[in-house]
Amino acid sequence: MSDLQEKDVVNVTDGKKIGNIIDIHIDQNGNMKGILVEKYRFFFSLFTNHVVEIKWSQIEKIGKDVILVNLD
């Protein structure tokens, strides 16, 4: 988990950074279902954040420094 938290999560469709991983969604059988990402936005001179869940099927590649996801 700590290794994943250090990586940036980037959308492959537009190349923009989504945010950072704050948790992993695991079902009752121990299967990894997705990642929870704290998404940062700049809105009227204030930083706001919220959490978005990215399904495991949306993860394209986990690299050394980045996790590439496909959010159509």
N, C-alpha and C. Protein backbone atom coordinates (compact mmCIF):
# COMPACT_ATOMS: atom_id res chain seq x y z
N MET A 1 0.82 -1.19 0.00
CA MET A 1 0.00 0.00 0.00
C MET A 1 0.86 1.25 0.00
N SER A 2 1.89 1.28 0.82
CA SER A 2 2.73 2.49 0.90
C SER A 2 3.45 2.75 -0.42
N ASP A 3 3.81 1.69 -1.15
CA ASP A 3 4.44 1.87 -2.47
C ASP A 3 3.47 2.53 -3.45
N LEU A 4 2.20 2.15 -3.40
CA LEU A 4 1.21 2.72 -4.30
C LEU A 4 0.92 4.18 -3.95
N GLN A 5 0.92 4.52 -2.68
CA GLN A 5 0.60 5.87 -2.25
C GLN A 5 1.61 6.90 -2.74
N GLU A 6 2.82 6.47 -3.02
CA GLU A 6 3.87 7.38 -3.49
C GLU A 6 3.74 7.71 -4.97
N LYS A 7 2.90 7.00 -5.70
CA LYS A 7 2.78 7.18 -7.14
C LYS A 7 1.67 8.19 -7.48
N ASP A 8 1.90 8.95 -8.55
CA ASP A 8 0.86 9.84 -9.07
C ASP A 8 -0.12 9.01 -9.90
N VAL A 9 -1.40 9.36 -9.82
CA VAL A 9 -2.42 8.71 -10.64
C VAL A 9 -2.75 9.66 -11.77
N VAL A 10 -2.56 9.18 -13.03
CA VAL A 10 -2.72 10.01 -14.22
C VAL A 10 -3.71 9.37 -15.17
N ASN A 11 -4.61 10.19 -15.72
CA ASN A 11 -5.59 9.74 -16.70
C ASN A 11 -4.93 9.68 -18.08
N VAL A 12 -4.96 8.52 -18.74
CA VAL A 12 -4.31 8.37 -20.04
C VAL A 12 -5.05 9.11 -21.15
N THR A 13 -6.33 9.42 -20.97
CA THR A 13 -7.08 10.07 -22.03
C THR A 13 -6.70 11.54 -22.21
N ASP A 14 -6.31 12.23 -21.11
CA ASP A 14 -5.93 13.63 -21.25
C ASP A 14 -4.57 13.96 -20.64
N GLY A 15 -3.92 12.99 -20.00
CA GLY A 15 -2.59 13.19 -19.42
C GLY A 15 -2.56 13.98 -18.13
N LYS A 16 -3.73 14.27 -17.56
CA LYS A 16 -3.79 15.07 -16.34
C LYS A 16 -3.67 14.20 -15.08
N LYS A 17 -2.99 14.77 -14.09
CA LYS A 17 -2.88 14.10 -12.80
C LYS A 17 -4.23 14.17 -12.10
N ILE A 18 -4.68 13.02 -11.60
CA ILE A 18 -5.96 12.96 -10.90
C ILE A 18 -5.77 13.26 -9.42
N GLY A 19 -4.76 12.64 -8.82
CA GLY A 19 -4.52 12.84 -7.39
C GLY A 19 -3.62 11.75 -6.85
N ASN A 20 -3.79 11.48 -5.58
CA ASN A 20 -2.97 10.48 -4.90
C ASN A 20 -3.86 9.43 -4.24
N ILE A 21 -3.35 8.21 -4.19
CA ILE A 21 -4.08 7.10 -3.57
C ILE A 21 -4.11 7.29 -2.06
N ILE A 22 -5.31 7.15 -1.50
CA ILE A 22 -5.43 7.23 -0.04
C ILE A 22 -5.87 5.90 0.57
N ASP A 23 -6.43 5.00 -0.27
CA ASP A 23 -6.88 3.72 0.25
C ASP A 23 -7.12 2.76 -0.91
N ILE A 24 -7.27 1.49 -0.58
CA ILE A 24 -7.57 0.44 -1.56
C ILE A 24 -8.89 -0.20 -1.19
N HIS A 25 -9.73 -0.42 -2.18
CA HIS A 25 -11.03 -1.08 -1.96
C HIS A 25 -10.84 -2.59 -2.15
N ILE A 26 -11.04 -3.34 -1.09
CA ILE A 26 -10.91 -4.80 -1.11
C ILE A 26 -12.24 -5.40 -0.70
N ASP A 27 -12.72 -6.38 -1.46
CA ASP A 27 -14.01 -6.99 -1.13
C ASP A 27 -13.85 -8.00 0.00
N GLN A 28 -14.97 -8.59 0.41
CA GLN A 28 -14.97 -9.52 1.56
C GLN A 28 -14.17 -10.79 1.32
N ASN A 29 -13.88 -11.09 0.04
CA ASN A 29 -13.08 -12.27 -0.29
C ASN A 29 -11.59 -11.96 -0.41
N GLY A 30 -11.22 -10.70 -0.19
CA GLY A 30 -9.82 -10.31 -0.26
C GLY A 30 -9.36 -9.90 -1.65
N ASN A 31 -10.30 -9.76 -2.59
CA ASN A 31 -9.95 -9.34 -3.94
C ASN A 31 -9.90 -7.81 -4.03
N MET A 32 -8.88 -7.30 -4.72
CA MET A 32 -8.74 -5.87 -4.90
C MET A 32 -9.74 -5.40 -5.95
N LYS A 33 -10.63 -4.50 -5.57
CA LYS A 33 -11.68 -4.01 -6.47
C LYS A 33 -11.35 -2.66 -7.08
N GLY A 34 -10.52 -1.88 -6.41
CA GLY A 34 -10.18 -0.56 -6.93
C GLY A 34 -9.33 0.23 -5.96
N ILE A 35 -9.08 1.48 -6.34
CA ILE A 35 -8.29 2.37 -5.50
C ILE A 35 -9.11 3.63 -5.22
N LEU A 36 -8.91 4.20 -4.05
CA LEU A 36 -9.55 5.46 -3.70
C LEU A 36 -8.51 6.56 -3.84
N VAL A 37 -8.84 7.55 -4.65
CA VAL A 37 -7.90 8.62 -4.97
C VAL A 37 -8.46 9.94 -4.47
N GLU A 38 -7.63 10.68 -3.74
CA GLU A 38 -8.01 12.02 -3.31
C GLU A 38 -7.72 12.96 -4.47
N LYS A 39 -8.78 13.50 -5.03
CA LYS A 39 -8.68 14.33 -6.22
C LYS A 39 -8.65 15.80 -5.82
N TYR A 40 -7.66 16.52 -6.30
CA TYR A 40 -7.51 17.93 -5.98
C TYR A 40 -8.01 18.78 -7.14
N ARG A 41 -8.67 19.88 -6.79
CA ARG A 41 -9.15 20.83 -7.80
C ARG A 41 -8.89 22.25 -7.31
N PHE A 42 -8.66 23.12 -8.25
CA PHE A 42 -8.51 24.54 -7.94
C PHE A 42 -9.81 25.22 -8.35
N PHE A 43 -10.48 25.84 -7.38
CA PHE A 43 -11.80 26.41 -7.63
C PHE A 43 -11.92 27.75 -6.91
N PHE A 44 -12.02 28.83 -7.64
CA PHE A 44 -12.18 30.18 -7.08
C PHE A 44 -11.15 30.47 -5.99
N SER A 45 -9.89 30.27 -6.32
CA SER A 45 -8.77 30.58 -5.43
C SER A 45 -8.70 29.70 -4.19
N LEU A 46 -9.48 28.63 -4.15
CA LEU A 46 -9.43 27.70 -3.03
C LEU A 46 -9.15 26.31 -3.55
N PHE A 47 -8.38 25.56 -2.80
CA PHE A 47 -8.17 24.16 -3.15
C PHE A 47 -9.27 23.35 -2.49
N THR A 48 -9.97 22.55 -3.28
CA THR A 48 -10.97 21.65 -2.73
C THR A 48 -10.56 20.23 -3.09
N ASN A 49 -11.02 19.29 -2.33
CA ASN A 49 -10.68 17.90 -2.66
C ASN A 49 -11.88 17.01 -2.39
N HIS A 50 -11.89 15.91 -3.08
CA HIS A 50 -12.87 14.87 -2.82
C HIS A 50 -12.27 13.54 -3.25
N VAL A 51 -12.92 12.47 -2.85
CA VAL A 51 -12.39 11.14 -3.12
C VAL A 51 -13.16 10.51 -4.27
N VAL A 52 -12.43 9.92 -5.19
CA VAL A 52 -13.02 9.21 -6.31
C VAL A 52 -12.50 7.77 -6.28
N GLU A 53 -13.39 6.82 -6.58
CA GLU A 53 -12.96 5.42 -6.65
C GLU A 53 -12.70 5.05 -8.10
N ILE A 54 -11.53 4.47 -8.34
CA ILE A 54 -11.16 4.00 -9.66
C ILE A 54 -11.15 2.48 -9.61
N LYS A 55 -11.95 1.88 -10.47
CA LYS A 55 -12.07 0.42 -10.49
C LYS A 55 -10.77 -0.21 -11.00
N TRP A 56 -10.52 -1.42 -10.53
CA TRP A 56 -9.31 -2.13 -10.92
C TRP A 56 -9.25 -2.29 -12.45
N SER A 57 -10.40 -2.47 -13.09
CA SER A 57 -10.44 -2.64 -14.55
C SER A 57 -10.07 -1.36 -15.29
N GLN A 58 -10.09 -0.21 -14.63
CA GLN A 58 -9.73 1.06 -15.26
C GLN A 58 -8.23 1.35 -15.18
N ILE A 59 -7.51 0.55 -14.42
CA ILE A 59 -6.06 0.74 -14.29
C ILE A 59 -5.39 0.11 -15.51
N GLU A 60 -4.67 0.95 -16.27
CA GLU A 60 -3.99 0.50 -17.48
C GLU A 60 -2.59 -0.05 -17.18
N LYS A 61 -1.84 0.67 -16.33
CA LYS A 61 -0.46 0.29 -16.07
C LYS A 61 0.00 0.89 -14.75
N ILE A 62 0.74 0.11 -14.00
CA ILE A 62 1.37 0.59 -12.77
C ILE A 62 2.87 0.62 -13.03
N GLY A 63 3.40 1.84 -13.11
CA GLY A 63 4.82 2.02 -13.40
C GLY A 63 5.61 2.36 -12.15
N LYS A 64 6.85 2.73 -12.36
CA LYS A 64 7.76 3.04 -11.25
C LYS A 64 7.29 4.28 -10.48
N ASP A 65 6.84 5.31 -11.20
CA ASP A 65 6.47 6.57 -10.57
C ASP A 65 5.00 6.96 -10.75
N VAL A 66 4.29 6.24 -11.59
CA VAL A 66 2.95 6.67 -11.95
C VAL A 66 2.01 5.47 -12.15
N ILE A 67 0.74 5.71 -11.91
CA ILE A 67 -0.31 4.72 -12.21
C ILE A 67 -1.16 5.34 -13.31
N LEU A 68 -1.24 4.69 -14.44
CA LEU A 68 -2.03 5.18 -15.56
C LEU A 68 -3.41 4.54 -15.53
N VAL A 69 -4.43 5.38 -15.57
CA VAL A 69 -5.82 4.89 -15.53
C VAL A 69 -6.58 5.45 -16.73
N ASN A 70 -7.63 4.76 -17.12
CA ASN A 70 -8.45 5.19 -18.24
C ASN A 70 -9.82 5.58 -17.72
N LEU A 71 -10.04 6.90 -17.61
CA LEU A 71 -11.32 7.43 -17.15
C LEU A 71 -12.00 8.10 -18.33
N ASP A 72 -12.78 7.34 -19.09
CA ASP A 72 -13.48 7.92 -20.25
C ASP A 72 -14.58 8.84 -19.82
